[in-house]
Each structure stands twice: as C-alpha cells, then as structure tokens.
Amino acid sequence: MPPVIPDPAVLAGSPGDGMDADSKATPMPEVDGERSVYGERSYRRLAIEIMALIESGEVAMGERLPSERTLAERFEVSRTAVREAIIALEIRGVVEVRGGSGIYVCGVKPSHFLRDAAPGPFELLGARLVIEPEVAAVAAIRAKDVDLDHLSGAISTLRRTLGDKRANEAADRAFHIAIAEGTGNCVLVQMVTSVWDKGRGAMWVKLEEHFHTPALREASMQDHQRVFSALVERDPVESRNAMRMHIERVMQEFARNWT
C-alpha cells in the first residue's frame, strides 16, 4: 500500500491553510518503469544471494557475473536493487565493475560481512522522494522572508562551488536543510537532516564514482533554481513538483547503464 502523504498544513503544525485543489501526493518512485525502492527485499540479502552464486562455483574467480537485468529477473527484483547489491560487493572487494565490459568476480568473503550494512543509496533516495517534495510544499506556504534570504544565499553558494565537488555537496545539503527550516517544523528539519546524513556513506561514495559528473552537478543546479523560484513565488504545487523532479533525476542518473 502506498504511503499516505498528509496535507502540508498539517505537517506545518498549523490548521487552516489547505493546499490548492490541484495538489497531489508524491507518487511511488519508479526507475526503468519499476517500483524500485518499496516492497523490495533488502540489498543486503540480495548481495548474499549473489555471493552464493560465487561460492557455489557457478561464477568463478575472474569471470563476469550475469548482467544486472539477468540477475534482476533471476531474483525477481528491480535493477536498482541489483545495483545496490553490486555496489555493496564492490566496496568489499568481492567484485569489480569495469565500465563498458561488465562486473567481474575478484574475491570471495564470508556472507555475514553484510549483516551490519547501512541503508542503500536508492533506499535513501526513495525516502527523500517521499519526504522532501512535501517539505518544499510546506515551505512555500510557511517560509518567512528571512528563510528565503537563507535560501538565496545557499543558491549563490551552490552556483559558486560548481567546480568544487566537495564544497558543492556541502552547499547542496545546506540548501535542502534550509528548505526544511522554512517549514517552521523542527521535526521535519530533523527528518531531512537525518536522511541526508545517512546517505553519504561508502555506498553513496562508490555510486558517485561511477555516475556523478559535472553535467549532473549543472543539471542539479538548474533543478535547485526551479525549486527556489517556486518557493519565492509561494507556489506549493510547483515547489513539490520541482523537488520531486530533482530527486527523480538523481535516481535515474544513478540507475543508468554502467559506462
């Protein structure tokens, strides 16, 4: 059952300011036409199942694993779930992703090494896709002028740091948290901060090594500008849509074919 997204006026903690009649709840995220985050088995379990293929000798050391699509069909999961599992195995030295060639076995380790793994990147992006569009809609209603001033400063920092990946990542985080602060709801601020801070672990870093590019940073900058413009216009529907499109862009970029 899809999550029920409450009215932004309720999220903001003050009744009486309902949304536009055209307002819609954030839909379930889809990547490659699949519901890729919800209802999936854990990527940890999937990684262990892929490990079992290697340990059984079905795929020998140095050999190429079946394609992501083949593995997705075999285990009845989405390609993004397979990607998370492959990234988890790659950062632990079990497989090597060779752009344009495939995924190769380069080591075997006990399957219990994944039991304490953190949430995967697509799990966290899925959580953001549920939370942040609604937070943006609330901020469009509730943000004070001082909040918009903070967001304007964050946008300027994002633009100024496009050539510096690390500084741009810090500015990106600050921009999204500033939107949450614009709701005036400290619980929403804590939620957005927590999801962002959980998302920058080893798996996220490895995924970015494969797919993050200056072009994606520039596209994200344009997304951020659209979100900011909608907030300045006090348009909750457009704020929600712009934020949703931004997060979906990142999900789709991280789900594209290995190069």
C-alpha atoms as a PDB file:
ATOM      1  CA  MET A   1       0.000   0.000   0.000  1.00  0.00           C
ATOM      2  CA  PRO A   2       1.490   3.414  -0.949  1.00  0.00           C
ATOM      3  CA  PRO A   3       2.184   5.861   1.864  1.00  0.00           C
ATOM      4  CA  VAL A   4      -0.468   8.433   2.691  1.00  0.00           C
ATOM      5  CA  ILE A   5       1.011  11.905   2.457  1.00  0.00           C
ATOM      6  CA  PRO A   6      -0.661  14.310   4.892  1.00  0.00           C
ATOM      7  CA  ASP A   7      -1.773  17.795   3.946  1.00  0.00           C
ATOM      8  CA  PRO A   8       1.169  20.233   4.160  1.00  0.00           C
ATOM      9  CA  ALA A   9      -0.816  22.432   6.523  1.00  0.00           C
ATOM     10  CA  VAL A  10      -0.930  19.534   8.952  1.00  0.00           C
ATOM     11  CA  LEU A  11       2.792  18.875   8.512  1.00  0.00           C
ATOM     12  CA  ALA A  12       3.475  22.525   9.239  1.00  0.00           C
ATOM     13  CA  GLY A  13       1.721  22.195  12.557  1.00  0.00           C
ATOM     14  CA  SER A  14      -0.991  24.783  11.974  1.00  0.00           C
ATOM     15  CA  PRO A  15      -4.510  24.080  10.700  1.00  0.00           C
ATOM     16  CA  GLY A  16      -6.489  26.143   8.265  1.00  0.00           C
ATOM     17  CA  ASP A  17      -4.115  26.582   5.339  1.00  0.00           C
ATOM     18  CA  GLY A  18      -5.082  23.773   2.963  1.00  0.00           C
ATOM     19  CA  MET A  19      -3.420  23.147  -0.368  1.00  0.00           C
ATOM     20  CA  ASP A  20      -4.509  24.009  -3.862  1.00  0.00           C
ATOM     21  CA  ALA A  21      -7.119  21.697  -5.321  1.00  0.00           C
ATOM     22  CA  ASP A  22      -4.569  20.545  -7.904  1.00  0.00           C
ATOM     23  CA  SER A  23      -2.212  19.352  -5.152  1.00  0.00           C
ATOM     24  CA  LYS A  24      -1.280  15.683  -5.348  1.00  0.00           C
ATOM     25  CA  ALA A  25       0.580  13.331  -3.082  1.00  0.00           C
ATOM     26  CA  THR A  26       4.061  12.303  -4.100  1.00  0.00           C
ATOM     27  CA  PRO A  27       3.772   9.102  -6.166  1.00  0.00           C
ATOM     28  CA  MET A  28       5.798   5.991  -5.585  1.00  0.00           C
ATOM     29  CA  PRO A  29       9.210   6.391  -7.273  1.00  0.00           C
ATOM     30  CA  GLU A  30       9.837   4.469 -10.454  1.00  0.00           C
ATOM     31  CA  VAL A  31      13.137   3.797 -12.207  1.00  0.00           C
ATOM     32  CA  ASP A  32      13.194   1.904 -15.506  1.00  0.00           C
ATOM     33  CA  GLY A  33       9.415   1.569 -15.189  1.00  0.00           C
ATOM     34  CA  GLU A  34       9.695  -0.408 -11.942  1.00  0.00           C
ATOM     35  CA  ARG A  35       8.788   0.396  -8.379  1.00  0.00           C
ATOM     36  CA  SER A  36      12.366   0.231  -7.364  1.00  0.00           C
ATOM     37  CA  VAL A  37      12.501   1.140  -3.682  1.00  0.00           C
ATOM     38  CA  TYR A  38       9.392  -0.128  -1.930  1.00  0.00           C
ATOM     39  CA  GLY A  39       8.453  -3.768  -1.480  1.00  0.00           C
ATOM     40  CA  GLU A  40      11.973  -4.926  -2.351  1.00  0.00           C
ATOM     41  CA  ARG A  41      13.947  -7.441  -0.390  1.00  0.00           C
ATOM     42  CA  SER A  42      16.968  -5.825   1.254  1.00  0.00           C
ATOM     43  CA  TYR A  43      20.007  -5.269  -0.948  1.00  0.00           C
ATOM     44  CA  ARG A  44      21.981  -6.983   1.806  1.00  0.00           C
ATOM     45  CA  ARG A  45      20.058 -10.202   1.343  1.00  0.00           C
ATOM     46  CA  LEU A  46      20.403  -9.890  -2.422  1.00  0.00           C
ATOM     47  CA  ALA A  47      24.162  -9.353  -2.118  1.00  0.00           C
ATOM     48  CA  ILE A  48      24.385 -12.527  -0.037  1.00  0.00           C
ATOM     49  CA  GLU A  49      22.443 -14.432  -2.702  1.00  0.00           C
ATOM     50  CA  ILE A  50      24.852 -13.186  -5.365  1.00  0.00           C
ATOM     51  CA  MET A  51      27.714 -14.256  -3.086  1.00  0.00           C
ATOM     52  CA  ALA A  52      26.137 -17.721  -3.009  1.00  0.00           C
ATOM     53  CA  LEU A  53      26.435 -17.907  -6.808  1.00  0.00           C
ATOM     54  CA  ILE A  54      30.152 -17.225  -6.469  1.00  0.00           C
ATOM     55  CA  GLU A  55      30.735 -19.564  -3.536  1.00  0.00           C
ATOM     56  CA  SER A  56      28.897 -22.375  -5.328  1.00  0.00           C
ATOM     57  CA  GLY A  57      31.251 -22.087  -8.299  1.00  0.00           C
ATOM     58  CA  GLU A  58      28.507 -21.003 -10.693  1.00  0.00           C
ATOM     59  CA  VAL A  59      30.620 -17.924 -11.383  1.00  0.00           C
ATOM     60  CA  ALA A  60      34.349 -18.481 -10.902  1.00  0.00           C
ATOM     61  CA  MET A  61      37.060 -16.042  -9.847  1.00  0.00           C
ATOM     62  CA  GLY A  62      37.842 -13.675 -12.704  1.00  0.00           C
ATOM     63  CA  GLU A  63      34.644 -14.476 -14.571  1.00  0.00           C
ATOM     64  CA  ARG A  64      31.944 -11.984 -15.411  1.00  0.00           C
ATOM     65  CA  LEU A  65      28.703 -12.007 -13.460  1.00  0.00           C
ATOM     66  CA  PRO A  66      25.412 -12.175 -15.359  1.00  0.00           C
ATOM     67  CA  SER A  67      24.103  -8.732 -16.348  1.00  0.00           C
ATOM     68  CA  GLU A  68      22.095  -6.642 -13.913  1.00  0.00           C
ATOM     69  CA  ARG A  69      18.959  -7.319 -15.920  1.00  0.00           C
ATOM     70  CA  THR A  70      19.563 -11.073 -15.833  1.00  0.00           C
ATOM     71  CA  LEU A  71      20.169 -11.005 -12.081  1.00  0.00           C
ATOM     72  CA  ALA A  72      17.047  -8.870 -11.582  1.00  0.00           C
ATOM     73  CA  GLU A  73      14.961 -11.418 -13.466  1.00  0.00           C
ATOM     74  CA  ARG A  74      16.511 -14.356 -11.637  1.00  0.00           C
ATOM     75  CA  PHE A  75      15.901 -12.934  -8.163  1.00  0.00           C
ATOM     76  CA  GLU A  76      12.666 -11.129  -9.115  1.00  0.00           C
ATOM     77  CA  VAL A  77      13.842  -7.689  -8.015  1.00  0.00           C
ATOM     78  CA  SER A  78      14.454  -4.381  -9.784  1.00  0.00           C
ATOM     79  CA  ARG A  79      17.700  -3.447 -11.490  1.00  0.00           C
ATOM     80  CA  THR A  80      18.267  -0.731  -8.908  1.00  0.00           C
ATOM     81  CA  ALA A  81      18.121  -3.336  -6.128  1.00  0.00           C
ATOM     82  CA  VAL A  82      20.751  -5.333  -8.017  1.00  0.00           C
ATOM     83  CA  ARG A  83      22.843  -2.195  -8.424  1.00  0.00           C
ATOM     84  CA  GLU A  84      22.848  -1.570  -4.672  1.00  0.00           C
ATOM     85  CA  ALA A  85      23.899  -5.170  -4.076  1.00  0.00           C
ATOM     86  CA  ILE A  86      26.697  -4.901  -6.646  1.00  0.00           C
ATOM     87  CA  ILE A  87      27.955  -1.647  -5.092  1.00  0.00           C
ATOM     88  CA  ALA A  88      27.941  -3.303  -1.642  1.00  0.00           C
ATOM     89  CA  LEU A  89      30.013  -6.177  -3.031  1.00  0.00           C
ATOM     90  CA  GLU A  90      32.340  -3.840  -4.909  1.00  0.00           C
ATOM     91  CA  ILE A  91      33.307  -1.744  -1.880  1.00  0.00           C
ATOM     92  CA  ARG A  92      34.118  -5.004  -0.047  1.00  0.00           C
ATOM     93  CA  GLY A  93      36.400  -6.261  -2.817  1.00  0.00           C
ATOM     94  CA  VAL A  94      34.186  -9.128  -3.991  1.00  0.00           C
ATOM     95  CA  VAL A  95      33.512  -7.778  -7.484  1.00  0.00           C
ATOM     96  CA  GLU A  96      34.970  -5.181  -9.812  1.00  0.00           C
ATOM     97  CA  VAL A  97      32.823  -3.056 -12.113  1.00  0.00           C
ATOM     98  CA  ARG A  98      34.565  -2.464 -15.423  1.00  0.00           C
ATOM     99  CA  GLY A  99      32.858   0.245 -17.433  1.00  0.00           C
ATOM    100  CA  GLY A 100      31.674  -0.957 -20.819  1.00  0.00           C
ATOM    101  CA  SER A 101      32.662  -4.543 -20.035  1.00  0.00           C
ATOM    102  CA  GLY A 102      30.726  -5.870 -17.058  1.00  0.00           C
ATOM    103  CA  ILE A 103      31.004  -6.962 -13.431  1.00  0.00           C
ATOM    104  CA  TYR A 104      33.788  -9.412 -12.588  1.00  0.00           C
ATOM    105  CA  VAL A 105      34.421 -11.603  -9.562  1.00  0.00           C
ATOM    106  CA  CYS A 106      37.689 -10.720  -7.850  1.00  0.00           C
ATOM    107  CA  GLY A 107      37.327 -12.156  -4.340  1.00  0.00           C
ATOM    108  CA  VAL A 108      35.178 -14.255  -2.035  1.00  0.00           C
ATOM    109  CA  LYS A 109      34.361 -13.252   1.543  1.00  0.00           C
ATOM    110  CA  PRO A 110      32.025 -14.738   4.175  1.00  0.00           C
ATOM    111  CA  SER A 111      28.403 -13.711   3.637  1.00  0.00           C
ATOM    112  CA  HIS A 112      27.984 -12.468   7.226  1.00  0.00           C
ATOM    113  CA  PHE A 113      30.110  -9.412   6.400  1.00  0.00           C
ATOM    114  CA  LEU A 114      26.976  -7.634   5.121  1.00  0.00           C
ATOM    115  CA  ARG A 115      24.789  -8.024   8.184  1.00  0.00           C
ATOM    116  CA  ASP A 116      25.549  -4.584   9.604  1.00  0.00           C
ATOM    117  CA  ALA A 117      25.411  -2.730   6.289  1.00  0.00           C
ATOM    118  CA  ALA A 118      23.728   0.688   6.178  1.00  0.00           C
ATOM    119  CA  PRO A 119      20.664   1.599   4.090  1.00  0.00           C
ATOM    120  CA  GLY A 120      21.387   1.646   0.373  1.00  0.00           C
ATOM    121  CA  PRO A 121      21.512   4.805  -1.787  1.00  0.00           C
ATOM    122  CA  PHE A 122      18.244   4.041  -3.567  1.00  0.00           C
ATOM    123  CA  GLU A 123      16.513   3.339  -0.258  1.00  0.00           C
ATOM    124  CA  LEU A 124      17.604   6.757   0.971  1.00  0.00           C
ATOM    125  CA  LEU A 125      16.698   8.500  -2.280  1.00  0.00           C
ATOM    126  CA  GLY A 126      13.307   6.807  -2.053  1.00  0.00           C
ATOM    127  CA  ALA A 127      12.837   8.198   1.439  1.00  0.00           C
ATOM    128  CA  ARG A 128      13.819  11.641   0.214  1.00  0.00           C
ATOM    129  CA  LEU A 129      11.316  11.345  -2.626  1.00  0.00           C
ATOM    130  CA  VAL A 130       8.524  10.790  -0.118  1.00  0.00           C
ATOM    131  CA  ILE A 131       9.631  13.469   2.354  1.00  0.00           C
ATOM    132  CA  GLU A 132      11.252  16.375   0.557  1.00  0.00           C
ATOM    133  CA  PRO A 133       8.618  17.298  -2.064  1.00  0.00           C
ATOM    134  CA  GLU A 134       6.071  17.661   0.739  1.00  0.00           C
ATOM    135  CA  VAL A 135       8.545  19.635   2.830  1.00  0.00           C
ATOM    136  CA  ALA A 136       9.047  22.001  -0.123  1.00  0.00           C
ATOM    137  CA  ALA A 137       5.277  22.425  -0.443  1.00  0.00           C
ATOM    138  CA  VAL A 138       5.016  23.324   3.244  1.00  0.00           C
ATOM    139  CA  ALA A 139       7.924  25.756   2.984  1.00  0.00           C
ATOM    140  CA  ALA A 140       6.208  27.528   0.083  1.00  0.00           C
ATOM    141  CA  ILE A 141       3.363  28.346   2.476  1.00  0.00           C
ATOM    142  CA  ARG A 142       5.260  28.895   5.717  1.00  0.00           C
ATOM    143  CA  ALA A 143       8.706  30.292   4.872  1.00  0.00           C
ATOM    144  CA  LYS A 144       9.425  33.775   6.197  1.00  0.00           C
ATOM    145  CA  ASP A 145      11.428  36.383   4.335  1.00  0.00           C
ATOM    146  CA  VAL A 146      14.488  35.533   6.414  1.00  0.00           C
ATOM    147  CA  ASP A 147      14.174  31.878   5.327  1.00  0.00           C
ATOM    148  CA  LEU A 148      14.085  32.933   1.687  1.00  0.00           C
ATOM    149  CA  ASP A 149      17.166  35.079   2.313  1.00  0.00           C
ATOM    150  CA  HIS A 150      18.972  31.999   3.653  1.00  0.00           C
ATOM    151  CA  LEU A 151      17.896  30.006   0.604  1.00  0.00           C
ATOM    152  CA  SER A 152      19.096  32.765  -1.702  1.00  0.00           C
ATOM    153  CA  GLY A 153      22.498  32.588  -0.048  1.00  0.00           C
ATOM    154  CA  ALA A 154      22.525  28.803  -0.390  1.00  0.00           C
ATOM    155  CA  ILE A 155      21.698  29.060  -4.108  1.00  0.00           C
ATOM    156  CA  SER A 156      24.554  31.521  -4.588  1.00  0.00           C
ATOM    157  CA  THR A 157      26.948  29.144  -2.824  1.00  0.00           C
ATOM    158  CA  LEU A 158      25.771  26.230  -4.968  1.00  0.00           C
ATOM    159  CA  ARG A 159      26.430  28.217  -8.127  1.00  0.00           C
ATOM    160  CA  ARG A 160      29.826  29.448  -6.899  1.00  0.00           C
ATOM    161  CA  THR A 161      31.048  25.943  -5.998  1.00  0.00           C
ATOM    162  CA  LEU A 162      30.028  24.068  -9.167  1.00  0.00           C
ATOM    163  CA  GLY A 163      33.682  23.381  -9.904  1.00  0.00           C
ATOM    164  CA  ASP A 164      34.441  22.078  -6.404  1.00  0.00           C
ATOM    165  CA  LYS A 165      32.642  18.790  -5.784  1.00  0.00           C
ATOM    166  CA  ARG A 166      33.163  18.622  -2.032  1.00  0.00           C
ATOM    167  CA  ALA A 167      32.152  22.241  -1.392  1.00  0.00           C
ATOM    168  CA  ASN A 168      29.181  21.828  -3.714  1.00  0.00           C
ATOM    169  CA  GLU A 169      27.996  18.763  -1.784  1.00  0.00           C
ATOM    170  CA  ALA A 170      28.083  20.762   1.468  1.00  0.00           C
ATOM    171  CA  ALA A 171      26.135  23.588  -0.183  1.00  0.00           C
ATOM    172  CA  ASP A 172      23.626  21.067  -1.571  1.00  0.00           C
ATOM    173  CA  ARG A 173      22.975  19.701   1.916  1.00  0.00           C
ATOM    174  CA  ALA A 174      22.643  23.217   3.330  1.00  0.00           C
ATOM    175  CA  PHE A 175      20.102  24.165   0.646  1.00  0.00           C
ATOM    176  CA  HIS A 176      17.834  21.192   1.332  1.00  0.00           C
ATOM    177  CA  ILE A 177      18.001  21.638   5.092  1.00  0.00           C
ATOM    178  CA  ALA A 178      17.263  25.361   4.692  1.00  0.00           C
ATOM    179  CA  ILE A 179      14.060  24.434   2.855  1.00  0.00           C
ATOM    180  CA  ALA A 180      13.069  22.222   5.788  1.00  0.00           C
ATOM    181  CA  GLU A 181      13.847  25.067   8.192  1.00  0.00           C
ATOM    182  CA  GLY A 182      11.454  27.211   6.166  1.00  0.00           C
ATOM    183  CA  THR A 183       8.571  24.994   7.304  1.00  0.00           C
ATOM    184  CA  GLY A 184       8.998  26.133  10.887  1.00  0.00           C
ATOM    185  CA  ASN A 185       8.655  22.496  11.947  1.00  0.00           C
ATOM    186  CA  CYS A 186      11.699  21.171  13.813  1.00  0.00           C
ATOM    187  CA  VAL A 187      10.668  17.541  13.311  1.00  0.00           C
ATOM    188  CA  LEU A 188      10.773  17.983   9.536  1.00  0.00           C
ATOM    189  CA  VAL A 189      14.191  19.623   9.853  1.00  0.00           C
ATOM    190  CA  GLN A 190      15.427  16.636  11.851  1.00  0.00           C
ATOM    191  CA  MET A 191      13.977  14.194   9.314  1.00  0.00           C
ATOM    192  CA  VAL A 192      15.589  15.864   6.312  1.00  0.00           C
ATOM    193  CA  THR A 193      18.920  16.258   8.124  1.00  0.00           C
ATOM    194  CA  SER A 194      18.898  12.612   9.210  1.00  0.00           C
ATOM    195  CA  VAL A 195      18.148  11.267   5.743  1.00  0.00           C
ATOM    196  CA  TRP A 196      20.860  13.426   4.215  1.00  0.00           C
ATOM    197  CA  ASP A 197      23.480  12.448   6.776  1.00  0.00           C
ATOM    198  CA  LYS A 198      22.692   8.744   6.475  1.00  0.00           C
ATOM    199  CA  GLY A 199      23.039   8.972   2.717  1.00  0.00           C
ATOM    200  CA  ARG A 200      26.706   9.901   2.474  1.00  0.00           C
ATOM    201  CA  GLY A 201      28.283   6.574   3.390  1.00  0.00           C
ATOM    202  CA  ALA A 202      30.661   4.308   1.492  1.00  0.00           C
ATOM    203  CA  MET A 203      27.981   3.006  -0.886  1.00  0.00           C
ATOM    204  CA  TRP A 204      26.938   6.517  -1.908  1.00  0.00           C
ATOM    205  CA  VAL A 205      30.568   7.500  -2.492  1.00  0.00           C
ATOM    206  CA  LYS A 206      31.176   4.431  -4.667  1.00  0.00           C
ATOM    207  CA  LEU A 207      27.993   5.003  -6.670  1.00  0.00           C
ATOM    208  CA  GLU A 208      29.047   8.599  -7.293  1.00  0.00           C
ATOM    209  CA  GLU A 209      32.440   7.408  -8.535  1.00  0.00           C
ATOM    210  CA  HIS A 210      30.616   5.634 -11.340  1.00  0.00           C
ATOM    211  CA  PHE A 211      27.892   8.125 -12.175  1.00  0.00           C
ATOM    212  CA  HIS A 212      28.436  11.606 -10.712  1.00  0.00           C
ATOM    213  CA  THR A 213      29.600  14.068 -13.376  1.00  0.00           C
ATOM    214  CA  PRO A 214      29.977  17.847 -13.727  1.00  0.00           C
ATOM    215  CA  ALA A 215      26.995  17.662 -16.106  1.00  0.00           C
ATOM    216  CA  LEU A 216      24.850  16.159 -13.329  1.00  0.00           C
ATOM    217  CA  ARG A 217      26.015  18.910 -10.983  1.00  0.00           C
ATOM    218  CA  GLU A 218      24.971  21.542 -13.530  1.00  0.00           C
ATOM    219  CA  ALA A 219      21.582  19.862 -14.068  1.00  0.00           C
ATOM    220  CA  SER A 220      21.070  19.736 -10.309  1.00  0.00           C
ATOM    221  CA  MET A 221      21.900  23.433 -10.121  1.00  0.00           C
ATOM    222  CA  GLN A 222      19.098  24.144 -12.577  1.00  0.00           C
ATOM    223  CA  ASP A 223      16.770  21.941 -10.520  1.00  0.00           C
ATOM    224  CA  HIS A 224      17.655  23.836  -7.366  1.00  0.00           C
ATOM    225  CA  GLN A 225      16.960  27.138  -9.090  1.00  0.00           C
ATOM    226  CA  ARG A 226      13.496  25.888 -10.129  1.00  0.00           C
ATOM    227  CA  VAL A 227      12.755  24.841  -6.558  1.00  0.00           C
ATOM    228  CA  PHE A 228      13.923  28.193  -5.215  1.00  0.00           C
ATOM    229  CA  SER A 229      11.902  30.154  -7.772  1.00  0.00           C
ATOM    230  CA  ALA A 230       8.753  28.216  -6.857  1.00  0.00           C
ATOM    231  CA  LEU A 231       9.349  28.913  -3.157  1.00  0.00           C
ATOM    232  CA  VAL A 232       9.804  32.631  -3.831  1.00  0.00           C
ATOM    233  CA  GLU A 233       6.522  32.583  -5.776  1.00  0.00           C
ATOM    234  CA  ARG A 234       4.840  30.916  -2.776  1.00  0.00           C
ATOM    235  CA  ASP A 235       3.650  28.136  -5.092  1.00  0.00           C
ATOM    236  CA  PRO A 236       3.341  24.861  -3.109  1.00  0.00           C
ATOM    237  CA  VAL A 237       2.329  22.753  -6.119  1.00  0.00           C
ATOM    238  CA  GLU A 238       5.282  23.841  -8.247  1.00  0.00           C
ATOM    239  CA  SER A 239       7.634  23.598  -5.251  1.00  0.00           C
ATOM    240  CA  ARG A 240       6.571  19.999  -4.733  1.00  0.00           C
ATOM    241  CA  ASN A 241       6.857  19.137  -8.424  1.00  0.00           C
ATOM    242  CA  ALA A 242      10.257  20.780  -8.831  1.00  0.00           C
ATOM    243  CA  MET A 243      11.676  18.938  -5.825  1.00  0.00           C
ATOM    244  CA  ARG A 244      10.247  15.633  -6.999  1.00  0.00           C
ATOM    245  CA  MET A 245      11.740  16.094 -10.477  1.00  0.00           C
ATOM    246  CA  HIS A 246      15.124  16.920  -8.942  1.00  0.00           C
ATOM    247  CA  ILE A 247      15.311  13.759  -6.824  1.00  0.00           C
ATOM    248  CA  GLU A 248      13.981  11.608  -9.664  1.00  0.00           C
ATOM    249  CA  ARG A 249      16.734  12.974 -11.919  1.00  0.00           C
ATOM    250  CA  VAL A 250      19.395  11.800  -9.459  1.00  0.00           C
ATOM    251  CA  MET A 251      17.751   8.371  -9.148  1.00  0.00           C
ATOM    252  CA  GLN A 252      17.575   7.961 -12.913  1.00  0.00           C
ATOM    253  CA  GLU A 253      21.191   9.068 -13.355  1.00  0.00           C
ATOM    254  CA  PHE A 254      22.393   6.569 -10.760  1.00  0.00           C
ATOM    255  CA  ALA A 255      20.327   3.822 -12.426  1.00  0.00           C
ATOM    256  CA  ARG A 256      21.682   4.273 -15.951  1.00  0.00           C
ATOM    257  CA  ASN A 257      23.890   1.665 -17.603  1.00  0.00           C
ATOM    258  CA  TRP A 258      27.497   1.281 -16.475  1.00  0.00           C
ATOM    259  CA  THR A 259      29.861   3.150 -18.790  1.00  0.00           C
END
